[in-house]
Structure formats: C-alpha cells, structure tokens
C-alpha cells in the first residue's frame, strides 16, 4: 500500500533541497529519519516533517507495519520565483530572485521494480 504527502511553495531553492532528497531516496523509514535528524541543512528539517506526515497518512490508511515502509519516490520541483529589486549605484537596480520549491514524497511497503 502506498501513501504520499506533498508540500508546496517552500521558500528554499530546489537545487539545495534536491541534495537532501537524494540522500533518502529508496531508504527504509527509520534510516531516512535518522539521516534527516543529523543533517545540518535547513531543508532536512522540512523534509523530516514531510516524511512524518506521510507516515501519519500511512497509519490513517491502515498500514499494519510502519517499520517496513520505505521511501519509494521523493522529488523536488521548482515553484514560483519571487522577484524583487534592490537599488544600486547611479540609479540602476539589480534583480533578486527568491526561488520556491514543491516537495512530494511517496512511501510504500512493498518493493516493486
């Protein structure tokens, strides 16, 4: 049985968030949670909370053994980019891009390839 969770419009760069997502793809739930607990990246905390949410969704669906769940897929997509301008010398302006991310995680209890 599969369960999923999604988180949208995270104020973090997708490029920086993907490095953390790549670390836990295909891992057992307990191992993935341990990895995320001890990572210093700010995105690790957000992905940890998202993984806990997916585990709760699995419990709601009636998965009998949570320890057998593993991260079937996790992917980070780019979201909307907030564009700001900052004044510069001689009347010019520089663009500041503030990227956002969409994170999706799918948990499964059977390994099918």
N, C-alpha and C. Protein backbone atom coordinates (compact mmCIF):
# COMPACT_ATOMS: atom_id res chain seq x y z
N UNK A 1 0.84 -1.17 0.00
CA UNK A 1 0.00 0.00 0.00
C UNK A 1 0.89 1.24 0.00
N UNK A 2 0.48 2.26 -0.70
CA UNK A 2 1.26 3.48 -0.82
C UNK A 2 0.57 4.62 -0.09
N UNK A 3 1.38 5.52 0.43
CA UNK A 3 0.86 6.76 0.99
C UNK A 3 1.78 7.89 0.55
N UNK A 4 1.22 9.08 0.46
CA UNK A 4 2.02 10.19 -0.05
C UNK A 4 1.74 11.45 0.75
N UNK A 5 2.64 12.42 0.57
CA UNK A 5 2.47 13.75 1.17
C UNK A 5 3.13 14.75 0.24
N UNK A 6 2.56 15.94 0.18
CA UNK A 6 3.10 17.00 -0.66
C UNK A 6 3.21 18.28 0.14
N UNK A 7 4.23 19.05 -0.20
CA UNK A 7 4.44 20.34 0.43
C UNK A 7 4.79 21.32 -0.67
N UNK A 8 4.06 22.43 -0.73
CA UNK A 8 4.25 23.36 -1.84
C UNK A 8 4.71 24.71 -1.35
N UNK A 9 5.35 25.44 -2.24
CA UNK A 9 5.80 26.81 -2.02
C UNK A 9 6.70 26.96 -0.80
N UNK A 10 7.69 26.09 -0.71
CA UNK A 10 8.70 26.18 0.35
C UNK A 10 9.70 27.25 -0.06
N UNK A 11 10.05 28.15 0.83
CA UNK A 11 10.97 29.22 0.48
C UNK A 11 12.42 28.77 0.55
N UNK A 12 12.73 27.74 -0.23
CA UNK A 12 14.09 27.22 -0.36
C UNK A 12 14.35 26.88 -1.81
N UNK A 13 15.58 26.98 -2.20
CA UNK A 13 15.96 26.69 -3.57
C UNK A 13 15.79 25.21 -3.85
N UNK A 14 15.21 24.83 -5.01
CA UNK A 14 15.06 23.41 -5.33
C UNK A 14 16.41 22.71 -5.49
N UNK A 15 17.41 23.43 -5.95
CA UNK A 15 18.73 22.83 -6.13
C UNK A 15 19.33 22.40 -4.80
N UNK A 16 19.16 23.21 -3.77
CA UNK A 16 19.70 22.87 -2.45
C UNK A 16 18.86 21.79 -1.77
N UNK A 17 17.56 21.78 -2.06
CA UNK A 17 16.67 20.80 -1.43
C UNK A 17 16.83 19.43 -2.06
N UNK A 18 17.15 19.37 -3.36
CA UNK A 18 17.32 18.08 -4.03
C UNK A 18 18.49 17.28 -3.47
N UNK A 19 19.54 17.95 -3.00
CA UNK A 19 20.69 17.21 -2.45
C UNK A 19 20.28 16.42 -1.21
N UNK A 20 19.38 16.96 -0.41
CA UNK A 20 18.91 16.24 0.78
C UNK A 20 17.95 15.13 0.36
N UNK A 21 17.09 15.38 -0.61
CA UNK A 21 16.13 14.37 -1.07
C UNK A 21 16.85 13.17 -1.67
N UNK A 22 17.97 13.39 -2.35
CA UNK A 22 18.72 12.30 -2.96
C UNK A 22 19.31 11.35 -1.91
N UNK A 23 19.56 11.86 -0.71
CA UNK A 23 20.16 11.04 0.34
C UNK A 23 19.20 9.98 0.88
N UNK A 24 17.90 10.26 0.86
CA UNK A 24 16.96 9.33 1.50
C UNK A 24 16.13 8.52 0.52
N UNK A 25 16.29 8.75 -0.77
CA UNK A 25 15.50 8.02 -1.77
C UNK A 25 15.83 6.53 -1.70
N UNK A 26 14.80 5.68 -1.54
CA UNK A 26 14.98 4.24 -1.50
C UNK A 26 15.33 3.68 -0.14
N UNK A 27 15.44 4.51 0.89
CA UNK A 27 15.82 4.04 2.23
C UNK A 27 14.59 3.61 3.02
N UNK A 28 14.84 2.78 4.02
CA UNK A 28 13.80 2.39 4.97
C UNK A 28 13.47 3.62 5.82
N UNK A 29 12.25 3.70 6.32
CA UNK A 29 11.78 4.88 7.02
C UNK A 29 12.68 5.26 8.20
N UNK A 30 13.02 4.29 9.04
CA UNK A 30 13.82 4.61 10.22
C UNK A 30 15.19 5.15 9.84
N UNK A 31 15.80 4.57 8.83
CA UNK A 31 17.10 5.04 8.37
C UNK A 31 17.00 6.45 7.77
N UNK A 32 15.95 6.70 7.03
CA UNK A 32 15.76 8.03 6.44
C UNK A 32 15.55 9.09 7.51
N UNK A 33 14.77 8.77 8.54
CA UNK A 33 14.55 9.72 9.63
C UNK A 33 15.83 10.00 10.39
N UNK A 34 16.66 8.97 10.59
CA UNK A 34 17.94 9.17 11.27
C UNK A 34 18.87 10.06 10.45
N UNK A 35 18.91 9.86 9.16
CA UNK A 35 19.75 10.70 8.29
C UNK A 35 19.31 12.15 8.37
N UNK A 36 18.00 12.37 8.29
CA UNK A 36 17.49 13.74 8.30
C UNK A 36 17.65 14.42 9.65
N UNK A 37 17.64 13.65 10.71
CA UNK A 37 17.78 14.23 12.04
C UNK A 37 19.15 14.88 12.23
N UNK A 38 20.19 14.26 11.68
CA UNK A 38 21.55 14.73 11.95
C UNK A 38 22.15 15.55 10.82
N UNK A 39 21.38 15.87 9.79
CA UNK A 39 21.89 16.74 8.73
C UNK A 39 21.78 18.20 9.15
N UNK A 40 22.79 19.02 8.86
CA UNK A 40 22.73 20.43 9.25
C UNK A 40 21.94 21.32 8.28
N UNK A 41 21.52 20.78 7.15
CA UNK A 41 20.82 21.60 6.14
C UNK A 41 19.46 22.03 6.66
N UNK A 42 19.05 23.27 6.38
CA UNK A 42 17.71 23.71 6.79
C UNK A 42 16.60 22.92 6.08
N UNK A 43 16.86 22.45 4.87
CA UNK A 43 15.82 21.70 4.16
C UNK A 43 15.62 20.31 4.76
N UNK A 44 16.60 19.80 5.50
CA UNK A 44 16.45 18.48 6.13
C UNK A 44 15.33 18.50 7.16
N UNK A 45 15.20 19.60 7.88
CA UNK A 45 14.14 19.71 8.88
C UNK A 45 12.76 19.68 8.23
N UNK A 46 12.62 20.37 7.11
CA UNK A 46 11.33 20.43 6.40
C UNK A 46 10.99 19.06 5.82
N UNK A 47 11.96 18.38 5.22
CA UNK A 47 11.72 17.06 4.64
C UNK A 47 11.42 16.05 5.75
N UNK A 48 12.04 16.22 6.91
CA UNK A 48 11.77 15.35 8.06
C UNK A 48 10.31 15.47 8.47
N UNK A 49 9.80 16.69 8.55
CA UNK A 49 8.40 16.90 8.90
C UNK A 49 7.47 16.34 7.85
N UNK A 50 7.84 16.47 6.57
CA UNK A 50 7.03 15.93 5.48
C UNK A 50 6.99 14.41 5.53
N UNK A 51 8.11 13.79 5.86
CA UNK A 51 8.17 12.33 5.98
C UNK A 51 7.31 11.85 7.14
N UNK A 52 7.31 12.59 8.25
CA UNK A 52 6.45 12.23 9.38
C UNK A 52 4.97 12.35 8.98
N UNK A 53 4.65 13.32 8.16
CA UNK A 53 3.28 13.48 7.68
C UNK A 53 2.87 12.31 6.79
N UNK A 54 3.79 11.86 5.93
CA UNK A 54 3.49 10.71 5.07
C UNK A 54 3.31 9.44 5.90
N UNK A 55 4.07 9.31 6.98
CA UNK A 55 3.91 8.16 7.87
C UNK A 55 2.53 8.20 8.53
N UNK A 56 2.10 9.38 8.96
CA UNK A 56 0.77 9.52 9.56
C UNK A 56 -0.33 9.20 8.55
N UNK A 57 -0.11 9.60 7.28
CA UNK A 57 -1.08 9.25 6.24
C UNK A 57 -1.16 7.74 6.04
N UNK A 58 -0.01 7.07 6.14
CA UNK A 58 0.00 5.61 6.01
C UNK A 58 -0.76 4.96 7.17
N UNK A 59 -0.60 5.50 8.37
CA UNK A 59 -1.34 4.96 9.52
C UNK A 59 -2.84 5.14 9.33
N UNK A 60 -3.24 6.28 8.78
CA UNK A 60 -4.66 6.53 8.54
C UNK A 60 -5.24 5.57 7.50
N UNK A 61 -4.40 5.18 6.53
CA UNK A 61 -4.85 4.25 5.50
C UNK A 61 -4.94 2.82 6.02
N UNK A 62 -4.30 2.53 7.16
CA UNK A 62 -4.39 1.21 7.75
C UNK A 62 -3.22 0.31 7.49
N UNK A 63 -2.03 0.87 7.26
CA UNK A 63 -0.83 0.05 7.12
C UNK A 63 -0.53 -0.56 8.47
N UNK A 64 -0.38 -1.89 8.51
CA UNK A 64 -0.23 -2.56 9.79
C UNK A 64 1.19 -2.52 10.33
N UNK A 65 2.21 -2.44 9.48
CA UNK A 65 3.58 -2.42 9.96
C UNK A 65 4.31 -1.21 9.38
N UNK A 66 4.44 -0.17 10.19
CA UNK A 66 5.07 1.07 9.74
C UNK A 66 6.57 0.88 9.52
N UNK A 67 7.19 -0.05 10.25
CA UNK A 67 8.64 -0.24 10.15
C UNK A 67 9.07 -0.80 8.79
N UNK A 68 8.15 -1.39 8.05
CA UNK A 68 8.51 -1.94 6.73
C UNK A 68 8.37 -0.93 5.60
N UNK A 69 7.88 0.27 5.91
CA UNK A 69 7.75 1.28 4.87
C UNK A 69 9.12 1.77 4.41
N UNK A 70 9.19 2.15 3.15
CA UNK A 70 10.41 2.76 2.62
C UNK A 70 10.03 3.90 1.69
N UNK A 71 10.99 4.76 1.40
CA UNK A 71 10.75 5.92 0.56
C UNK A 71 10.80 5.46 -0.89
N UNK A 72 9.64 5.29 -1.50
CA UNK A 72 9.58 4.81 -2.87
C UNK A 72 10.05 5.90 -3.84
N UNK A 73 9.53 7.10 -3.66
CA UNK A 73 10.00 8.20 -4.50
C UNK A 73 9.89 9.50 -3.73
N UNK A 74 10.84 10.36 -3.98
CA UNK A 74 10.81 11.72 -3.44
C UNK A 74 11.40 12.62 -4.51
N UNK A 75 10.70 13.67 -4.82
CA UNK A 75 11.21 14.58 -5.83
C UNK A 75 10.89 16.02 -5.45
N UNK A 76 11.75 16.91 -5.91
CA UNK A 76 11.65 18.33 -5.62
C UNK A 76 11.52 19.08 -6.95
N UNK A 77 10.45 19.80 -7.11
CA UNK A 77 10.22 20.60 -8.31
C UNK A 77 10.34 22.08 -7.95
N UNK A 78 10.66 22.87 -8.94
CA UNK A 78 10.73 24.31 -8.73
C UNK A 78 9.34 24.92 -8.71
N UNK A 79 9.15 25.88 -7.85
CA UNK A 79 7.88 26.57 -7.75
C UNK A 79 7.99 27.97 -8.33
N UNK A 80 7.10 28.82 -7.92
CA UNK A 80 7.11 30.21 -8.37
C UNK A 80 8.34 30.92 -7.82
N UNK A 81 8.85 31.87 -8.58
CA UNK A 81 10.02 32.64 -8.15
C UNK A 81 9.56 34.05 -7.80
N UNK A 82 9.82 34.44 -6.55
CA UNK A 82 9.52 35.81 -6.13
C UNK A 82 10.63 36.71 -6.67
N UNK A 83 10.26 37.77 -7.35
CA UNK A 83 11.26 38.67 -7.94
C UNK A 83 11.21 40.01 -7.21
N UNK A 84 12.36 40.42 -6.74
CA UNK A 84 12.49 41.69 -6.02
C UNK A 84 13.59 42.50 -6.68
N UNK A 85 13.59 43.80 -6.43
CA UNK A 85 14.62 44.68 -6.96
C UNK A 85 15.25 45.45 -5.80
N UNK A 86 16.56 45.65 -5.91
CA UNK A 86 17.30 46.40 -4.91
C UNK A 86 18.01 47.55 -5.62
N UNK A 87 17.99 48.75 -5.04
CA UNK A 87 18.65 49.88 -5.70
C UNK A 87 20.17 49.73 -5.70
N UNK A 88 20.78 50.18 -6.79
CA UNK A 88 22.24 50.13 -6.94
C UNK A 88 22.76 51.53 -7.28
N UNK A 89 24.01 51.60 -7.55
CA UNK A 89 24.65 52.89 -7.83
C UNK A 89 24.18 53.47 -9.16
N UNK A 90 24.24 54.77 -9.27
CA UNK A 90 23.93 55.53 -10.48
C UNK A 90 22.51 55.27 -11.00
N UNK A 91 21.55 55.11 -10.09
CA UNK A 91 20.16 54.98 -10.47
C UNK A 91 19.76 53.64 -11.05
N UNK A 92 20.61 52.65 -10.98
CA UNK A 92 20.29 51.33 -11.52
C UNK A 92 19.60 50.47 -10.45
N UNK A 93 19.14 49.31 -10.89
CA UNK A 93 18.52 48.35 -9.97
C UNK A 93 18.99 46.95 -10.33
N UNK A 94 19.16 46.11 -9.31
CA UNK A 94 19.54 44.72 -9.53
C UNK A 94 18.38 43.83 -9.13
N UNK A 95 18.23 42.74 -9.87
CA UNK A 95 17.15 41.80 -9.62
C UNK A 95 17.58 40.79 -8.55
N UNK A 96 16.69 40.51 -7.62
CA UNK A 96 16.90 39.46 -6.62
C UNK A 96 15.83 38.41 -6.85
N UNK A 97 16.26 37.16 -7.03
CA UNK A 97 15.33 36.05 -7.24
C UNK A 97 15.21 35.25 -5.95
N UNK A 98 14.00 35.01 -5.50
CA UNK A 98 13.76 34.21 -4.30
C UNK A 98 12.99 32.96 -4.72
N UNK A 99 13.69 31.84 -4.99
CA UNK A 99 13.01 30.65 -5.51
C UNK A 99 12.22 29.91 -4.44
N UNK A 100 11.21 29.16 -4.90
CA UNK A 100 10.43 28.30 -4.02
C UNK A 100 10.46 26.87 -4.57
N UNK A 101 10.05 25.92 -3.75
CA UNK A 101 10.10 24.51 -4.12
C UNK A 101 8.78 23.82 -3.81
N UNK A 102 8.50 22.76 -4.55
CA UNK A 102 7.41 21.83 -4.26
C UNK A 102 8.05 20.47 -4.00
N UNK A 103 7.74 19.86 -2.84
CA UNK A 103 8.32 18.57 -2.48
C UNK A 103 7.21 17.54 -2.41
N UNK A 104 7.42 16.38 -3.03
CA UNK A 104 6.46 15.27 -2.99
C UNK A 104 7.18 14.01 -2.56
N UNK A 105 6.58 13.25 -1.65
CA UNK A 105 7.16 12.01 -1.18
C UNK A 105 6.09 10.91 -1.24
N UNK A 106 6.52 9.72 -1.66
CA UNK A 106 5.63 8.55 -1.73
C UNK A 106 6.29 7.42 -0.95
N UNK A 107 5.55 6.87 0.00
CA UNK A 107 6.02 5.73 0.80
C UNK A 107 5.31 4.47 0.33
N UNK A 108 6.00 3.35 0.40
CA UNK A 108 5.40 2.06 0.02
C UNK A 108 5.90 0.99 0.98
N UNK A 109 5.14 -0.10 1.07
CA UNK A 109 5.56 -1.19 1.95
C UNK A 109 6.04 -2.40 1.18
N UNK A 110 5.94 -2.39 -0.15
CA UNK A 110 6.45 -3.49 -0.95
C UNK A 110 7.40 -2.95 -2.00
N UNK A 111 8.50 -3.64 -2.19
CA UNK A 111 9.47 -3.22 -3.18
C UNK A 111 9.09 -3.85 -4.53
N UNK A 112 8.59 -3.00 -5.42
CA UNK A 112 8.26 -3.47 -6.77
C UNK A 112 9.05 -2.62 -7.76
N UNK A 113 9.70 -3.26 -8.68
CA UNK A 113 10.50 -2.53 -9.67
C UNK A 113 10.09 -2.91 -11.04
